[in-house]
C-alpha atoms as a PDB file:
ATOM      1  CA  UNK A   1      12.995  29.914  21.103  1.00  0.00           C
ATOM      2  CA  UNK A   2      13.836  26.269  21.769  1.00  0.00           C
ATOM      3  CA  UNK A   3      11.858  23.843  19.610  1.00  0.00           C
ATOM      4  CA  UNK A   4       9.731  20.798  20.309  1.00  0.00           C
ATOM      5  CA  UNK A   5      11.918  17.983  19.041  1.00  0.00           C
ATOM      6  CA  UNK A   6       9.456  15.147  18.794  1.00  0.00           C
ATOM      7  CA  UNK A   7       5.833  14.141  19.333  1.00  0.00           C
ATOM      8  CA  UNK A   8       4.831  10.645  20.329  1.00  0.00           C
ATOM      9  CA  UNK A   9       1.398   9.049  20.537  1.00  0.00           C
ATOM     10  CA  UNK A  10       1.023   6.742  23.531  1.00  0.00           C
ATOM     11  CA  UNK A  11       0.206   3.996  24.019  1.00  0.00           C
ATOM     12  CA  UNK A  12       1.834   2.800  20.765  1.00  0.00           C
ATOM     13  CA  UNK A  13      -0.667  -0.074  20.670  1.00  0.00           C
ATOM     14  CA  UNK A  14      -4.216   0.261  22.001  1.00  0.00           C
ATOM     15  CA  UNK A  15      -6.951  -2.356  22.123  1.00  0.00           C
ATOM     16  CA  UNK A  16     -10.560  -1.536  21.243  1.00  0.00           C
ATOM     17  CA  UNK A  17     -13.568  -3.860  21.406  1.00  0.00           C
ATOM     18  CA  UNK A  18     -16.851  -3.728  19.533  1.00  0.00           C
ATOM     19  CA  UNK A  19     -20.025  -3.113  21.505  1.00  0.00           C
ATOM     20  CA  UNK A  20     -23.580  -1.974  20.957  1.00  0.00           C
ATOM     21  CA  UNK A  21     -24.045  -0.057  24.223  1.00  0.00           C
ATOM     22  CA  UNK A  22     -24.076   3.741  24.213  1.00  0.00           C
ATOM     23  CA  UNK A  23     -21.623   4.115  27.119  1.00  0.00           C
ATOM     24  CA  UNK A  24     -18.065   2.800  26.776  1.00  0.00           C
ATOM     25  CA  UNK A  25     -16.459   0.550  29.354  1.00  0.00           C
ATOM     26  CA  UNK A  26     -14.471   2.232  32.127  1.00  0.00           C
ATOM     27  CA  UNK A  27     -10.785   1.598  32.790  1.00  0.00           C
ATOM     28  CA  UNK A  28      -9.663  -1.291  34.980  1.00  0.00           C
ATOM     29  CA  UNK A  29      -6.657  -3.434  35.846  1.00  0.00           C
ATOM     30  CA  UNK A  30      -6.407  -7.160  36.393  1.00  0.00           C
ATOM     31  CA  UNK A  31      -4.463  -7.825  39.576  1.00  0.00           C
ATOM     32  CA  UNK A  32      -3.072 -11.045  40.962  1.00  0.00           C
ATOM     33  CA  UNK A  33      -4.014 -11.869  44.530  1.00  0.00           C
ATOM     34  CA  UNK A  34      -0.656 -12.160  46.348  1.00  0.00           C
ATOM     35  CA  UNK A  35      -2.249 -14.582  48.834  1.00  0.00           C
ATOM     36  CA  UNK A  36      -3.533 -16.791  46.018  1.00  0.00           C
ATOM     37  CA  UNK A  37      -1.417 -16.180  42.904  1.00  0.00           C
ATOM     38  CA  UNK A  38      -2.884 -19.171  41.007  1.00  0.00           C
ATOM     39  CA  UNK A  39      -6.442 -17.905  41.434  1.00  0.00           C
ATOM     40  CA  UNK A  40      -8.358 -15.730  38.965  1.00  0.00           C
ATOM     41  CA  UNK A  41      -7.058 -12.190  38.712  1.00  0.00           C
ATOM     42  CA  UNK A  42      -9.170  -9.471  40.337  1.00  0.00           C
ATOM     43  CA  UNK A  43     -10.873  -6.725  38.328  1.00  0.00           C
ATOM     44  CA  UNK A  44      -9.819  -3.416  39.888  1.00  0.00           C
ATOM     45  CA  UNK A  45     -11.525  -0.199  38.634  1.00  0.00           C
ATOM     46  CA  UNK A  46      -9.208   2.652  37.708  1.00  0.00           C
ATOM     47  CA  UNK A  47      -9.633   6.357  36.978  1.00  0.00           C
ATOM     48  CA  UNK A  48     -11.912   6.851  33.986  1.00  0.00           C
ATOM     49  CA  UNK A  49     -13.057   9.843  31.949  1.00  0.00           C
ATOM     50  CA  UNK A  50     -16.596  10.876  31.088  1.00  0.00           C
ATOM     51  CA  UNK A  51     -16.664  12.695  27.738  1.00  0.00           C
ATOM     52  CA  UNK A  52     -19.428  14.992  26.521  1.00  0.00           C
ATOM     53  CA  UNK A  53     -19.873  13.789  22.949  1.00  0.00           C
ATOM     54  CA  UNK A  54     -21.218  17.128  21.704  1.00  0.00           C
ATOM     55  CA  UNK A  55     -18.434  19.377  22.978  1.00  0.00           C
ATOM     56  CA  UNK A  56     -15.669  16.787  23.065  1.00  0.00           C
ATOM     57  CA  UNK A  57     -14.725  17.890  26.587  1.00  0.00           C
ATOM     58  CA  UNK A  58     -13.924  15.617  29.493  1.00  0.00           C
ATOM     59  CA  UNK A  59     -16.514  16.580  32.086  1.00  0.00           C
ATOM     60  CA  UNK A  60     -15.201  14.500  34.978  1.00  0.00           C
ATOM     61  CA  UNK A  61     -12.650  11.952  36.086  1.00  0.00           C
ATOM     62  CA  UNK A  62     -13.872   9.228  38.433  1.00  0.00           C
ATOM     63  CA  UNK A  63     -13.204   5.717  39.645  1.00  0.00           C
ATOM     64  CA  UNK A  64     -16.259   3.485  39.134  1.00  0.00           C
ATOM     65  CA  UNK A  65     -17.540   1.398  42.020  1.00  0.00           C
ATOM     66  CA  UNK A  66     -17.512  -1.682  39.812  1.00  0.00           C
ATOM     67  CA  UNK A  67     -16.993  -2.686  36.200  1.00  0.00           C
ATOM     68  CA  UNK A  68     -20.084  -3.580  34.198  1.00  0.00           C
ATOM     69  CA  UNK A  69     -19.327  -5.192  30.850  1.00  0.00           C
ATOM     70  CA  UNK A  70     -22.928  -4.841  29.642  1.00  0.00           C
ATOM     71  CA  UNK A  71     -25.502  -2.073  30.079  1.00  0.00           C
ATOM     72  CA  UNK A  72     -29.033  -2.369  31.441  1.00  0.00           C
ATOM     73  CA  UNK A  73     -30.223  -3.595  28.023  1.00  0.00           C
ATOM     74  CA  UNK A  74     -27.601  -6.365  28.063  1.00  0.00           C
ATOM     75  CA  UNK A  75     -25.668  -4.693  25.248  1.00  0.00           C
ATOM     76  CA  UNK A  76     -21.886  -5.033  25.380  1.00  0.00           C
ATOM     77  CA  UNK A  77     -20.130  -1.801  26.351  1.00  0.00           C
ATOM     78  CA  UNK A  78     -17.412  -0.973  23.815  1.00  0.00           C
ATOM     79  CA  UNK A  79     -13.783  -0.526  24.802  1.00  0.00           C
ATOM     80  CA  UNK A  80     -12.939   2.965  23.514  1.00  0.00           C
ATOM     81  CA  UNK A  81      -9.260   3.791  24.102  1.00  0.00           C
ATOM     82  CA  UNK A  82      -7.696   7.228  24.412  1.00  0.00           C
ATOM     83  CA  UNK A  83      -4.512   8.028  22.491  1.00  0.00           C
ATOM     84  CA  UNK A  84      -2.445  10.716  24.221  1.00  0.00           C
ATOM     85  CA  UNK A  85       0.264  12.930  22.727  1.00  0.00           C
ATOM     86  CA  UNK A  86       3.603  13.432  24.477  1.00  0.00           C
ATOM     87  CA  UNK A  87       6.405  15.830  23.553  1.00  0.00           C
ATOM     88  CA  UNK A  88      10.173  15.787  23.803  1.00  0.00           C
ATOM     89  CA  UNK A  89      11.603  19.287  23.993  1.00  0.00           C
ATOM     90  CA  UNK A  90      15.090  20.717  23.653  1.00  0.00           C
ATOM     91  CA  UNK A  91      14.986  21.881  27.286  1.00  0.00           C
ATOM     92  CA  UNK A  92      14.545  18.289  28.513  1.00  0.00           C
ATOM     93  CA  UNK A  93      15.425  16.051  25.550  1.00  0.00           C
ATOM     94  CA  UNK A  94      15.542  12.943  27.714  1.00  0.00           C
ATOM     95  CA  UNK A  95      12.026  13.397  29.101  1.00  0.00           C
ATOM     96  CA  UNK A  96       8.565  12.935  27.653  1.00  0.00           C
ATOM     97  CA  UNK A  97       5.868  15.293  28.921  1.00  0.00           C
ATOM     98  CA  UNK A  98       2.169  15.502  28.053  1.00  0.00           C
ATOM     99  CA  UNK A  99       1.497  17.862  25.164  1.00  0.00           C
ATOM    100  CA  UNK A 100      -0.873  20.639  26.252  1.00  0.00           C
ATOM    101  CA  UNK A 101      -2.067  23.959  24.850  1.00  0.00           C
ATOM    102  CA  UNK A 102       0.200  25.679  27.390  1.00  0.00           C
ATOM    103  CA  UNK A 103       3.250  23.745  26.206  1.00  0.00           C
ATOM    104  CA  UNK A 104       2.402  24.616  22.605  1.00  0.00           C
ATOM    105  CA  UNK A 105       2.118  28.293  23.561  1.00  0.00           C
ATOM    106  CA  UNK A 106       5.537  28.174  25.212  1.00  0.00           C
ATOM    107  CA  UNK A 107       6.955  27.207  21.827  1.00  0.00           C
ATOM    108  CA  UNK A 108       5.011  29.763  19.804  1.00  0.00           C
ATOM    109  CA  UNK A 109       2.341  27.321  18.682  1.00  0.00           C
ATOM    110  CA  UNK A 110      -1.389  26.815  19.203  1.00  0.00           C
ATOM    111  CA  UNK A 111      -4.022  24.101  18.841  1.00  0.00           C
ATOM    112  CA  UNK A 112      -4.614  25.355  15.303  1.00  0.00           C
ATOM    113  CA  UNK A 113      -1.146  24.049  14.432  1.00  0.00           C
ATOM    114  CA  UNK A 114      -2.229  20.494  15.251  1.00  0.00           C
ATOM    115  CA  UNK A 115      -4.293  18.062  13.245  1.00  0.00           C
ATOM    116  CA  UNK A 116      -4.956  14.321  13.271  1.00  0.00           C
ATOM    117  CA  UNK A 117      -4.822  11.966  10.297  1.00  0.00           C
ATOM    118  CA  UNK A 118      -6.724   8.741  10.933  1.00  0.00           C
ATOM    119  CA  UNK A 119      -6.540   5.625   8.789  1.00  0.00           C
ATOM    120  CA  UNK A 120      -8.397   2.447   9.690  1.00  0.00           C
ATOM    121  CA  UNK A 121      -8.627  -0.930   8.026  1.00  0.00           C
ATOM    122  CA  UNK A 122     -10.500  -4.201   8.264  1.00  0.00           C
ATOM    123  CA  UNK A 123      -8.651  -6.884   6.314  1.00  0.00           C
ATOM    124  CA  UNK A 124     -10.183 -10.060   7.733  1.00  0.00           C
ATOM    125  CA  UNK A 125     -11.789 -10.973   4.414  1.00  0.00           C
ATOM    126  CA  UNK A 126      -8.596 -10.135   2.522  1.00  0.00           C
ATOM    127  CA  UNK A 127      -6.589 -12.454   4.776  1.00  0.00           C
ATOM    128  CA  UNK A 128      -8.764 -15.333   3.559  1.00  0.00           C
ATOM    129  CA  UNK A 129      -9.174 -14.412  -0.099  1.00  0.00           C
ATOM    130  CA  UNK A 130      -5.829 -12.665  -0.784  1.00  0.00           C
ATOM    131  CA  UNK A 131      -7.842 -10.361  -3.061  1.00  0.00           C
ATOM    132  CA  UNK A 132      -6.898  -6.700  -2.519  1.00  0.00           C
ATOM    133  CA  UNK A 133     -10.391  -5.656  -3.591  1.00  0.00           C
ATOM    134  CA  UNK A 134     -11.661  -7.257  -0.366  1.00  0.00           C
ATOM    135  CA  UNK A 135      -9.695  -4.852   1.857  1.00  0.00           C
ATOM    136  CA  UNK A 136     -11.935  -2.429   3.779  1.00  0.00           C
ATOM    137  CA  UNK A 137     -10.485   1.021   4.500  1.00  0.00           C
ATOM    138  CA  UNK A 138     -11.633   4.216   6.198  1.00  0.00           C
ATOM    139  CA  UNK A 139      -9.751   7.464   6.615  1.00  0.00           C
ATOM    140  CA  UNK A 140     -10.116  10.974   7.957  1.00  0.00           C
ATOM    141  CA  UNK A 141      -7.471  13.612   7.297  1.00  0.00           C
ATOM    142  CA  UNK A 142      -6.876  17.032   8.822  1.00  0.00           C
ATOM    143  CA  UNK A 143      -9.060  16.545  11.902  1.00  0.00           C
ATOM    144  CA  UNK A 144      -8.928  19.718  14.014  1.00  0.00           C
ATOM    145  CA  UNK A 145     -12.409  20.178  15.471  1.00  0.00           C
ATOM    146  CA  UNK A 146     -13.807  18.363  18.490  1.00  0.00           C
ATOM    147  CA  UNK A 147     -16.929  16.835  16.953  1.00  0.00           C
ATOM    148  CA  UNK A 148     -17.501  13.092  16.831  1.00  0.00           C
ATOM    149  CA  UNK A 149     -16.635  11.800  13.352  1.00  0.00           C
ATOM    150  CA  UNK A 150     -17.873   8.510  11.905  1.00  0.00           C
ATOM    151  CA  UNK A 151     -15.400   6.240  10.135  1.00  0.00           C
ATOM    152  CA  UNK A 152     -17.171   4.445   7.296  1.00  0.00           C
ATOM    153  CA  UNK A 153     -15.173   1.751   5.564  1.00  0.00           C
ATOM    154  CA  UNK A 154     -15.236   1.306   1.808  1.00  0.00           C
ATOM    155  CA  UNK A 155     -14.227  -1.649  -0.303  1.00  0.00           C
ATOM    156  CA  UNK A 156     -13.928  -2.192  -4.057  1.00  0.00           C
ATOM    157  CA  UNK A 157     -16.161  -5.265  -3.802  1.00  0.00           C
ATOM    158  CA  UNK A 158     -18.968  -3.532  -1.900  1.00  0.00           C
ATOM    159  CA  UNK A 159     -22.189  -2.717  -3.690  1.00  0.00           C
ATOM    160  CA  UNK A 160     -22.202   0.810  -5.065  1.00  0.00           C
ATOM    161  CA  UNK A 161     -22.751   3.410  -2.353  1.00  0.00           C
ATOM    162  CA  UNK A 162     -22.428   0.928   0.522  1.00  0.00           C
ATOM    163  CA  UNK A 163     -20.046   1.386   3.455  1.00  0.00           C
ATOM    164  CA  UNK A 164     -19.256  -0.506   6.630  1.00  0.00           C
ATOM    165  CA  UNK A 165     -19.422   1.429   9.935  1.00  0.00           C
ATOM    166  CA  UNK A 166     -16.059   1.134  11.703  1.00  0.00           C
ATOM    167  CA  UNK A 167     -16.774   3.419  14.654  1.00  0.00           C
ATOM    168  CA  UNK A 168     -16.004   7.033  15.558  1.00  0.00           C
ATOM    169  CA  UNK A 169     -13.049   9.223  16.453  1.00  0.00           C
ATOM    170  CA  UNK A 170     -13.070  12.419  18.494  1.00  0.00           C
ATOM    171  CA  UNK A 171     -10.304  14.942  19.137  1.00  0.00           C
ATOM    172  CA  UNK A 172     -10.841  15.594  22.840  1.00  0.00           C
ATOM    173  CA  UNK A 173     -11.096  19.330  23.556  1.00  0.00           C
ATOM    174  CA  UNK A 174      -8.485  20.431  26.118  1.00  0.00           C
ATOM    175  CA  UNK A 175      -9.752  22.267  29.208  1.00  0.00           C
ATOM    176  CA  UNK A 176      -8.150  23.813  32.269  1.00  0.00           C
ATOM    177  CA  UNK A 177      -8.871  20.667  34.265  1.00  0.00           C
ATOM    178  CA  UNK A 178      -7.856  18.266  31.484  1.00  0.00           C
ATOM    179  CA  UNK A 179      -5.347  20.129  29.285  1.00  0.00           C
ATOM    180  CA  UNK A 180      -3.721  17.121  27.599  1.00  0.00           C
ATOM    181  CA  UNK A 181      -4.016  16.486  23.854  1.00  0.00           C
ATOM    182  CA  UNK A 182      -6.008  13.301  23.309  1.00  0.00           C
ATOM    183  CA  UNK A 183      -7.890  11.402  20.617  1.00  0.00           C
ATOM    184  CA  UNK A 184     -10.542   8.820  21.419  1.00  0.00           C
ATOM    185  CA  UNK A 185     -11.533   5.930  19.186  1.00  0.00           C
ATOM    186  CA  UNK A 186     -14.905   4.292  19.785  1.00  0.00           C
ATOM    187  CA  UNK A 187     -15.420   1.095  17.755  1.00  0.00           C
ATOM    188  CA  UNK A 188     -18.615   0.122  15.977  1.00  0.00           C
ATOM    189  CA  UNK A 189     -21.516  -1.849  17.441  1.00  0.00           C
ATOM    190  CA  UNK A 190     -20.391  -5.208  16.087  1.00  0.00           C
ATOM    191  CA  UNK A 191     -23.305  -6.087  13.829  1.00  0.00           C
ATOM    192  CA  UNK A 192     -22.688  -8.684  11.132  1.00  0.00           C
ATOM    193  CA  UNK A 193     -23.110  -7.609   7.512  1.00  0.00           C
ATOM    194  CA  UNK A 194     -23.499 -10.017   4.609  1.00  0.00           C
ATOM    195  CA  UNK A 195     -25.214 -10.737   1.354  1.00  0.00           C
ATOM    196  CA  UNK A 196     -28.540 -12.188   2.529  1.00  0.00           C
ATOM    197  CA  UNK A 197     -31.641 -10.028   2.427  1.00  0.00           C
ATOM    198  CA  UNK A 198     -33.533 -11.622   5.314  1.00  0.00           C
ATOM    199  CA  UNK A 199     -32.879 -10.883   8.979  1.00  0.00           C
ATOM    200  CA  UNK A 200     -31.674 -13.816  11.048  1.00  0.00           C
ATOM    201  CA  UNK A 201     -32.842 -14.581  14.567  1.00  0.00           C
ATOM    202  CA  UNK A 202     -31.705 -12.023  17.180  1.00  0.00           C
ATOM    203  CA  UNK A 203     -28.972 -12.898  19.594  1.00  0.00           C
ATOM    204  CA  UNK A 204     -29.632 -13.214  23.313  1.00  0.00           C
ATOM    205  CA  UNK A 205     -28.877  -9.521  23.849  1.00  0.00           C
ATOM    206  CA  UNK A 206     -31.461  -8.513  21.229  1.00  0.00           C
ATOM    207  CA  UNK A 207     -28.992  -7.328  18.603  1.00  0.00           C
ATOM    208  CA  UNK A 208     -29.749  -8.761  15.153  1.00  0.00           C
ATOM    209  CA  UNK A 209     -27.048 -11.096  13.916  1.00  0.00           C
ATOM    210  CA  UNK A 210     -27.361  -9.861  10.341  1.00  0.00           C
ATOM    211  CA  UNK A 211     -28.234  -6.402   9.016  1.00  0.00           C
ATOM    212  CA  UNK A 212     -30.935  -6.871   6.349  1.00  0.00           C
ATOM    213  CA  UNK A 213     -29.571  -4.336   3.853  1.00  0.00           C
ATOM    214  CA  UNK A 214     -26.576  -6.117   2.274  1.00  0.00           C
ATOM    215  CA  UNK A 215     -23.334  -4.400   1.374  1.00  0.00           C
ATOM    216  CA  UNK A 216     -21.996  -7.143  -0.884  1.00  0.00           C
ATOM    217  CA  UNK A 217     -23.612  -9.025  -3.756  1.00  0.00           C
ATOM    218  CA  UNK A 218     -24.691 -12.625  -3.338  1.00  0.00           C
ATOM    219  CA  UNK A 219     -22.785 -15.279  -5.227  1.00  0.00           C
END
């Protein structure tokens, strides 16, 4: 049996954006108007996936009529990228093809032979203080199920038992219609955490600027 030579996760760099809305933003391109190349680029909706969060299955692919950056409650819709796995096989070593359950079976493997290791960091504070105890990390190892898993960041300088929500990951369950191996990362809501006990004035979209239960001690 000829082996799978290599697995690659694409895209190699994905961009996520915080947002408090329940539904993520759909996919879109920014296109230049050939008749007016110096004008603003046009937002062009592209094929997007709707994921059932309980089962982890993609229930439909669609192209939205338009792109809405906020929901009906004026909450920002998060950008939640998909990471897709591609394989290079000995039969076609020069080609990358989407990794699927069928391709695994062809090589004597199954979904049970796959797992995801996820490591996430927030080092904005560390970049200012140069104190390693200010680095915030979250990790999840051996992910094989298709449930939605929270990533809670920890830091040596947090108060005992406190964590910082850094979003969720979900191993998308392959189906006959959508057989590709994918992972989706959905970032956190984008609340601001600090050391004050009182709640500040809400922002225009109604989201509090500061969570009242602090995760770090006051100076």
